[in-house]
Protein backbone atom coordinates (compact mmCIF):
# COMPACT_ATOMS: atom_id res chain seq x y z
CA MET A 1 0.05 -0.08 0.12
CA GLY A 2 0.95 3.46 -0.73
CA ILE A 3 0.13 6.83 -0.32
CA ILE A 4 0.51 9.41 -3.48
CA SER A 5 0.19 13.03 -2.51
CA ILE A 6 0.05 15.94 -4.75
CA GLU A 7 0.67 19.17 -2.90
CA ASN A 8 0.47 23.05 -3.01
CA MET A 9 -1.66 23.02 -6.86
CA GLU A 10 -2.48 26.43 -7.21
CA PHE A 11 -5.91 27.96 -8.94
CA TYR A 12 -7.69 30.97 -9.73
CA ALA A 13 -11.02 30.31 -9.22
CA TYR A 14 -14.41 31.85 -8.44
CA HIS A 15 -15.71 29.82 -5.21
CA GLY A 16 -17.58 32.09 -2.60
CA CYS A 17 -20.67 32.94 -1.10
CA PHE A 18 -20.44 36.98 -2.20
CA GLU A 19 -21.61 37.78 -5.44
CA GLU A 20 -18.00 39.59 -5.82
CA GLU A 21 -16.15 36.46 -5.03
CA GLN A 22 -18.04 34.56 -8.21
CA GLN A 23 -16.96 37.29 -10.13
CA ILE A 24 -13.70 38.55 -9.37
CA GLY A 25 -12.23 35.58 -8.05
CA THR A 26 -8.96 34.53 -6.13
CA TRP A 27 -6.12 32.05 -5.51
CA PHE A 28 -6.98 28.49 -4.13
CA GLN A 29 -4.56 26.11 -3.08
CA VAL A 30 -5.66 22.19 -3.23
CA ASP A 31 -3.67 19.22 -1.52
CA VAL A 32 -4.69 15.73 -1.92
CA LYS A 33 -3.53 12.37 -0.46
CA MET A 34 -4.60 9.07 -2.14
CA LYS A 35 -4.16 5.77 -0.40
CA VAL A 36 -3.33 3.61 -3.51
CA ASP A 37 -2.46 -0.28 -3.79
CA THR A 38 1.09 0.26 -5.34
CA SER A 39 2.59 -3.29 -5.18
CA LYS A 40 2.00 -3.95 -9.04
CA ALA A 41 3.69 -0.55 -9.97
CA GLU A 42 6.55 -0.97 -7.51
CA GLN A 43 7.68 -4.26 -9.68
CA SER A 44 6.71 -3.45 -12.92
CA ASP A 45 8.03 0.28 -13.32
CA ASN A 46 4.78 0.76 -15.42
CA LEU A 47 2.66 3.84 -15.33
CA LYS A 48 -0.69 1.88 -16.13
CA ASP A 49 -0.21 0.43 -12.66
CA THR A 50 -0.54 3.04 -10.80
CA VAL A 51 -2.42 6.39 -10.75
CA ASN A 52 -0.86 9.26 -13.11
CA TYR A 53 -0.31 12.37 -11.28
CA GLN A 54 -0.73 14.45 -14.33
CA ALA A 55 -4.22 12.94 -14.98
CA VAL A 56 -5.24 13.66 -11.59
CA TYR A 57 -4.26 17.26 -11.43
CA HIS A 58 -6.20 17.79 -14.90
CA THR A 59 -9.09 16.19 -12.77
CA ILE A 60 -8.60 18.55 -9.94
CA ARG A 61 -8.58 21.49 -12.32
CA ASN A 62 -11.68 21.00 -14.05
CA GLU A 63 -13.47 20.65 -10.87
CA MET A 64 -12.00 23.84 -9.66
CA SER A 65 -12.88 25.60 -12.88
CA GLN A 66 -16.79 25.17 -11.82
CA LYS A 67 -17.92 27.64 -9.47
CA SER A 68 -19.23 26.76 -6.25
CA LYS A 69 -20.56 28.75 -3.15
CA LEU A 70 -19.13 26.66 -0.65
CA LEU A 71 -15.59 24.93 -0.04
CA GLU A 72 -16.87 21.82 1.21
CA HIS A 73 -18.62 21.37 -2.28
CA VAL A 74 -15.70 21.77 -3.90
CA ALA A 75 -13.47 19.13 -1.81
CA ARG A 76 -16.56 16.85 -2.25
CA ARG A 77 -17.06 17.15 -5.97
CA ILE A 78 -12.71 16.43 -6.02
CA LEU A 79 -13.17 13.43 -3.86
CA ASN A 80 -15.91 12.16 -5.90
CA ALA A 81 -13.98 12.31 -9.03
CA LEU A 82 -10.90 10.85 -7.39
CA LEU A 83 -12.77 7.74 -6.12
CA LYS A 84 -14.58 7.35 -9.73
CA ASN A 85 -11.79 7.80 -12.21
CA TYR A 86 -8.76 6.43 -10.27
CA PRO A 87 -7.94 3.05 -8.38
CA VAL A 88 -7.85 5.19 -5.06
CA LEU A 89 -8.75 3.00 -1.99
CA SER A 90 -9.45 6.45 0.29
CA ALA A 91 -8.20 10.02 -0.29
CA GLU A 92 -7.83 13.12 1.33
CA VAL A 93 -8.55 16.61 0.03
CA THR A 94 -7.73 19.94 1.73
CA VAL A 95 -8.85 23.33 -0.49
CA HIS A 96 -7.37 26.11 0.86
CA LYS A 97 -9.00 29.70 -0.05
CA LYS A 98 -6.05 32.21 0.33
CA ASN A 99 -7.37 35.67 1.48
CA PRO A 100 -10.73 35.26 2.24
CA PRO A 101 -12.99 38.06 2.84
CA LEU A 102 -13.25 37.89 6.58
CA GLY A 103 -13.03 41.42 7.44
CA GLY A 104 -9.42 41.38 8.52
CA LYS A 105 -6.11 39.90 7.44
CA THR A 106 -6.27 36.19 7.36
CA GLY A 107 -3.65 33.99 5.57
CA ALA A 108 -6.44 31.37 4.28
CA VAL A 109 -9.44 29.50 5.38
CA THR A 110 -9.16 25.53 4.63
CA VAL A 111 -11.46 22.75 4.57
CA THR A 112 -10.34 18.99 4.54
CA LEU A 113 -12.34 16.11 3.85
CA THR A 114 -11.52 12.50 3.80
CA CYS A 115 -13.35 9.16 2.43
């Protein structure tokens, strides 16, 4: 068993409850950890025997391009897409919204979902 992580993926997207967030957008960071049976790839050294990181990135980019009001919704869509499209046994997705409009200086708000 192995854990495959892709960290610090950055996307400019339009998620948020305020109309301005849906129009102006902001930066988001996404981290994923996927539990995968890596035993075959460990022996074969063949990409078809594991999870293709580039394909995962494109899946996440696609989900990030679809507007949502809530980070929870974005994270759930990403988790569902990972489980549907890849041989992932379980996963953890963290979505960070940088510089959220909270009325003061804040680096990010973060939502983490696992399944």
